Amino acid sequence: MDLERSIAEIQERNARVEADKAWEMSWTRTLLIAAMIYVTASIFLWNMYAPAYLFQALIPAGGWIFSTLSLPWFKKWWIARRSAHSWNGK
């Protein structure tokens, strides 16, 4: 009985971890954060009387989206490099 409960708890935890990972990698999250960055940057630039503040606010929001696209490639490279050097303790 105790073993079955432990297995059920592990399965529930795995489901939560998988859902969290799916959220972290989702386009919904990426675009939501980019929109919040855009609004915040727009308000900040507007308060500074920056010309074309709505256009300029695209830079940090676009940077955020670009970083989410490029990081998986770097992550794969880092993991491959790390596993290739694991034999000598690096």
N, C-alpha and C. Protein backbone atom coordinates (compact mmCIF):
# COMPACT_ATOMS: atom_id res chain seq x y z
N MET A 1 0.83 -1.19 0.00
CA MET A 1 0.00 0.00 0.00
C MET A 1 0.87 1.25 0.00
N ASP A 2 1.91 1.26 0.82
CA ASP A 2 2.80 2.42 0.91
C ASP A 2 3.56 2.62 -0.40
N LEU A 3 3.95 1.52 -1.03
CA LEU A 3 4.67 1.59 -2.31
C LEU A 3 3.79 2.19 -3.40
N GLU A 4 2.54 1.81 -3.43
CA GLU A 4 1.61 2.34 -4.42
C GLU A 4 1.41 3.85 -4.24
N ARG A 5 1.32 4.29 -2.99
CA ARG A 5 1.18 5.72 -2.72
C ARG A 5 2.43 6.49 -3.14
N SER A 6 3.59 5.91 -2.89
CA SER A 6 4.85 6.54 -3.29
C SER A 6 4.94 6.67 -4.80
N ILE A 7 4.54 5.64 -5.51
CA ILE A 7 4.55 5.68 -6.98
C ILE A 7 3.58 6.73 -7.48
N ALA A 8 2.40 6.82 -6.88
CA ALA A 8 1.41 7.82 -7.29
C ALA A 8 1.95 9.23 -7.05
N GLU A 9 2.63 9.44 -5.92
CA GLU A 9 3.21 10.75 -5.63
C GLU A 9 4.29 11.12 -6.64
N ILE A 10 5.10 10.16 -7.01
CA ILE A 10 6.16 10.39 -8.01
C ILE A 10 5.54 10.73 -9.36
N GLN A 11 4.49 10.02 -9.74
CA GLN A 11 3.82 10.29 -11.00
C GLN A 11 3.18 11.68 -11.01
N GLU A 12 2.60 12.09 -9.89
CA GLU A 12 2.02 13.43 -9.79
C GLU A 12 3.11 14.50 -9.89
N ARG A 13 4.23 14.26 -9.24
CA ARG A 13 5.35 15.20 -9.31
C ARG A 13 5.88 15.30 -10.73
N ASN A 14 6.03 14.16 -11.39
CA ASN A 14 6.51 14.17 -12.78
C ASN A 14 5.56 14.94 -13.69
N ALA A 15 4.26 14.80 -13.46
CA ALA A 15 3.28 15.54 -14.28
C ALA A 15 3.43 17.04 -14.06
N ARG A 16 3.64 17.46 -12.79
CA ARG A 16 3.84 18.89 -12.50
C ARG A 16 5.12 19.41 -13.15
N VAL A 17 6.19 18.63 -13.07
CA VAL A 17 7.46 19.04 -13.65
C VAL A 17 7.33 19.16 -15.17
N GLU A 18 6.66 18.21 -15.80
CA GLU A 18 6.46 18.26 -17.26
C GLU A 18 5.62 19.47 -17.65
N ALA A 19 4.59 19.79 -16.86
CA ALA A 19 3.75 20.96 -17.15
C ALA A 19 4.56 22.24 -16.99
N ASP A 20 5.39 22.32 -15.95
CA ASP A 20 6.24 23.50 -15.76
C ASP A 20 7.22 23.67 -16.91
N LYS A 21 7.80 22.57 -17.36
CA LYS A 21 8.76 22.63 -18.47
C LYS A 21 8.05 23.06 -19.76
N ALA A 22 6.85 22.53 -19.98
CA ALA A 22 6.08 22.92 -21.17
C ALA A 22 5.77 24.41 -21.14
N TRP A 23 5.42 24.94 -19.96
CA TRP A 23 5.15 26.37 -19.83
C TRP A 23 6.40 27.19 -20.12
N GLU A 24 7.54 26.77 -19.58
CA GLU A 24 8.79 27.49 -19.77
C GLU A 24 9.18 27.56 -21.25
N MET A 25 8.84 26.56 -22.02
CA MET A 25 9.21 26.50 -23.43
C MET A 25 8.11 26.99 -24.38
N SER A 26 6.97 27.41 -23.83
CA SER A 26 5.82 27.73 -24.68
C SER A 26 5.94 29.11 -25.32
N TRP A 27 5.33 29.21 -26.50
CA TRP A 27 5.25 30.51 -27.19
C TRP A 27 4.34 31.47 -26.44
N THR A 28 3.35 30.94 -25.75
CA THR A 28 2.44 31.79 -24.98
C THR A 28 3.23 32.57 -23.93
N ARG A 29 4.09 31.88 -23.20
CA ARG A 29 4.91 32.53 -22.18
C ARG A 29 5.86 33.55 -22.81
N THR A 30 6.52 33.14 -23.89
CA THR A 30 7.47 34.02 -24.56
C THR A 30 6.80 35.31 -25.04
N LEU A 31 5.65 35.18 -25.68
CA LEU A 31 4.96 36.36 -26.20
C LEU A 31 4.35 37.20 -25.08
N LEU A 32 3.90 36.57 -24.01
CA LEU A 32 3.36 37.30 -22.88
C LEU A 32 4.45 38.16 -22.22
N ILE A 33 5.62 37.58 -22.02
CA ILE A 33 6.72 38.35 -21.43
C ILE A 33 7.17 39.45 -22.38
N ALA A 34 7.24 39.14 -23.68
CA ALA A 34 7.62 40.16 -24.65
C ALA A 34 6.62 41.32 -24.64
N ALA A 35 5.35 41.03 -24.52
CA ALA A 35 4.33 42.08 -24.46
C ALA A 35 4.49 42.94 -23.21
N MET A 36 4.79 42.30 -22.08
CA MET A 36 5.00 43.07 -20.85
C MET A 36 6.25 43.94 -20.96
N ILE A 37 7.29 43.42 -21.58
CA ILE A 37 8.51 44.21 -21.79
C ILE A 37 8.20 45.39 -22.70
N TYR A 38 7.43 45.15 -23.77
CA TYR A 38 7.09 46.21 -24.72
C TYR A 38 6.30 47.33 -24.04
N VAL A 39 5.30 46.96 -23.25
CA VAL A 39 4.48 47.96 -22.57
C VAL A 39 5.34 48.76 -21.58
N THR A 40 6.15 48.06 -20.81
CA THR A 40 7.01 48.74 -19.83
C THR A 40 7.99 49.68 -20.52
N ALA A 41 8.64 49.21 -21.58
CA ALA A 41 9.59 50.05 -22.31
C ALA A 41 8.88 51.23 -22.97
N SER A 42 7.69 51.01 -23.49
CA SER A 42 6.93 52.10 -24.11
C SER A 42 6.62 53.20 -23.10
N ILE A 43 6.16 52.80 -21.93
CA ILE A 43 5.85 53.78 -20.89
C ILE A 43 7.11 54.53 -20.47
N PHE A 44 8.18 53.80 -20.27
CA PHE A 44 9.44 54.43 -19.87
C PHE A 44 9.92 55.42 -20.93
N LEU A 45 9.91 55.01 -22.20
CA LEU A 45 10.37 55.90 -23.27
C LEU A 45 9.42 57.08 -23.46
N TRP A 46 8.13 56.87 -23.30
CA TRP A 46 7.15 57.95 -23.41
C TRP A 46 7.40 59.01 -22.33
N ASN A 47 7.69 58.54 -21.11
CA ASN A 47 7.98 59.47 -20.02
C ASN A 47 9.27 60.25 -20.25
N MET A 48 10.17 59.71 -21.06
CA MET A 48 11.42 60.40 -21.39
C MET A 48 11.26 61.28 -22.64
N TYR A 49 10.05 61.34 -23.19
CA TYR A 49 9.76 62.09 -24.42
C TYR A 49 10.65 61.63 -25.58
N ALA A 50 10.88 60.34 -25.66
CA ALA A 50 11.70 59.78 -26.74
C ALA A 50 10.91 59.82 -28.04
N PRO A 51 11.57 60.17 -29.14
CA PRO A 51 10.86 60.14 -30.43
C PRO A 51 10.61 58.69 -30.84
N ALA A 52 9.49 58.46 -31.45
CA ALA A 52 9.11 57.12 -31.94
C ALA A 52 9.23 56.08 -30.82
N TYR A 53 8.71 56.41 -29.65
CA TYR A 53 8.88 55.54 -28.49
C TYR A 53 8.23 54.17 -28.67
N LEU A 54 7.12 54.12 -29.42
CA LEU A 54 6.47 52.83 -29.65
C LEU A 54 7.35 51.93 -30.52
N PHE A 55 8.03 52.51 -31.48
CA PHE A 55 8.94 51.74 -32.33
C PHE A 55 10.18 51.33 -31.53
N GLN A 56 10.74 52.25 -30.76
CA GLN A 56 11.94 51.96 -29.99
C GLN A 56 11.71 50.88 -28.93
N ALA A 57 10.50 50.78 -28.44
CA ALA A 57 10.18 49.77 -27.43
C ALA A 57 10.23 48.35 -27.99
N LEU A 58 10.24 48.24 -29.33
CA LEU A 58 10.36 46.92 -29.95
C LEU A 58 11.74 46.31 -29.72
N ILE A 59 12.75 47.13 -29.48
CA ILE A 59 14.11 46.62 -29.35
C ILE A 59 14.25 45.68 -28.15
N PRO A 60 13.89 46.09 -26.92
CA PRO A 60 14.04 45.13 -25.81
C PRO A 60 13.09 43.94 -25.92
N ALA A 61 11.89 44.17 -26.43
CA ALA A 61 10.95 43.05 -26.59
C ALA A 61 11.46 42.06 -27.62
N GLY A 62 11.99 42.58 -28.72
CA GLY A 62 12.57 41.70 -29.75
C GLY A 62 13.80 40.99 -29.23
N GLY A 63 14.59 41.67 -28.40
CA GLY A 63 15.75 41.03 -27.80
C GLY A 63 15.37 39.85 -26.93
N TRP A 64 14.28 40.01 -26.19
CA TRP A 64 13.80 38.90 -25.36
C TRP A 64 13.42 37.71 -26.23
N ILE A 65 12.65 37.96 -27.29
CA ILE A 65 12.23 36.86 -28.18
C ILE A 65 13.45 36.21 -28.82
N PHE A 66 14.40 37.01 -29.28
CA PHE A 66 15.61 36.48 -29.89
C PHE A 66 16.37 35.60 -28.89
N SER A 67 16.45 36.03 -27.64
CA SER A 67 17.19 35.24 -26.65
C SER A 67 16.54 33.89 -26.41
N THR A 68 15.21 33.82 -26.48
CA THR A 68 14.55 32.54 -26.27
C THR A 68 14.73 31.62 -27.47
N LEU A 69 14.97 32.20 -28.64
CA LEU A 69 15.20 31.37 -29.83
C LEU A 69 16.63 30.86 -29.90
N SER A 70 17.58 31.65 -29.43
CA SER A 70 18.98 31.27 -29.57
C SER A 70 19.48 30.40 -28.42
N LEU A 71 18.91 30.50 -27.26
CA LEU A 71 19.42 29.77 -26.11
C LEU A 71 19.30 28.26 -26.23
N PRO A 72 18.26 27.69 -26.81
CA PRO A 72 18.24 26.23 -26.94
C PRO A 72 19.44 25.69 -27.74
N TRP A 73 19.87 26.42 -28.75
CA TRP A 73 21.03 25.99 -29.52
C TRP A 73 22.29 25.99 -28.64
N PHE A 74 22.45 27.07 -27.85
CA PHE A 74 23.60 27.15 -26.96
C PHE A 74 23.53 26.08 -25.87
N LYS A 75 22.34 25.78 -25.41
CA LYS A 75 22.18 24.76 -24.39
C LYS A 75 22.63 23.40 -24.93
N LYS A 76 22.20 23.06 -26.14
CA LYS A 76 22.61 21.78 -26.76
C LYS A 76 24.12 21.74 -26.93
N TRP A 77 24.72 22.84 -27.37
CA TRP A 77 26.17 22.91 -27.55
C TRP A 77 26.87 22.72 -26.21
N TRP A 78 26.37 23.39 -25.17
CA TRP A 78 27.00 23.31 -23.85
C TRP A 78 26.92 21.88 -23.30
N ILE A 79 25.75 21.24 -23.44
CA ILE A 79 25.57 19.87 -22.95
C ILE A 79 26.50 18.93 -23.70
N ALA A 80 26.57 19.07 -25.02
CA ALA A 80 27.44 18.20 -25.81
C ALA A 80 28.90 18.40 -25.42
N ARG A 81 29.30 19.64 -25.23
CA ARG A 81 30.68 19.94 -24.86
C ARG A 81 30.99 19.40 -23.47
N ARG A 82 30.06 19.54 -22.56
CA ARG A 82 30.26 19.08 -21.20
C ARG A 82 30.36 17.56 -21.14
N SER A 83 29.48 16.87 -21.88
CA SER A 83 29.51 15.42 -21.85
C SER A 83 30.75 14.87 -22.56
N ALA A 84 31.25 15.60 -23.56
CA ALA A 84 32.46 15.16 -24.26
C ALA A 84 33.69 15.27 -23.36
N HIS A 85 33.66 16.21 -22.41
CA HIS A 85 34.82 16.42 -21.53
C HIS A 85 34.62 15.78 -20.15
N SER A 86 33.56 15.06 -19.96
CA SER A 86 33.29 14.50 -18.64
C SER A 86 34.27 13.39 -18.26
N TRP A 87 34.94 12.81 -19.22
CA TRP A 87 35.87 11.71 -18.92
C TRP A 87 37.10 12.17 -18.16
N ASN A 88 37.47 13.44 -18.26
CA ASN A 88 38.68 13.89 -17.55
C ASN A 88 38.36 14.81 -16.38
N GLY A 89 37.12 14.83 -15.95
CA GLY A 89 36.77 15.57 -14.75
C GLY A 89 36.52 17.05 -14.94
N LYS A 90 36.46 17.53 -16.18
CA LYS A 90 36.21 18.97 -16.42
C LYS A 90 34.75 19.28 -16.35
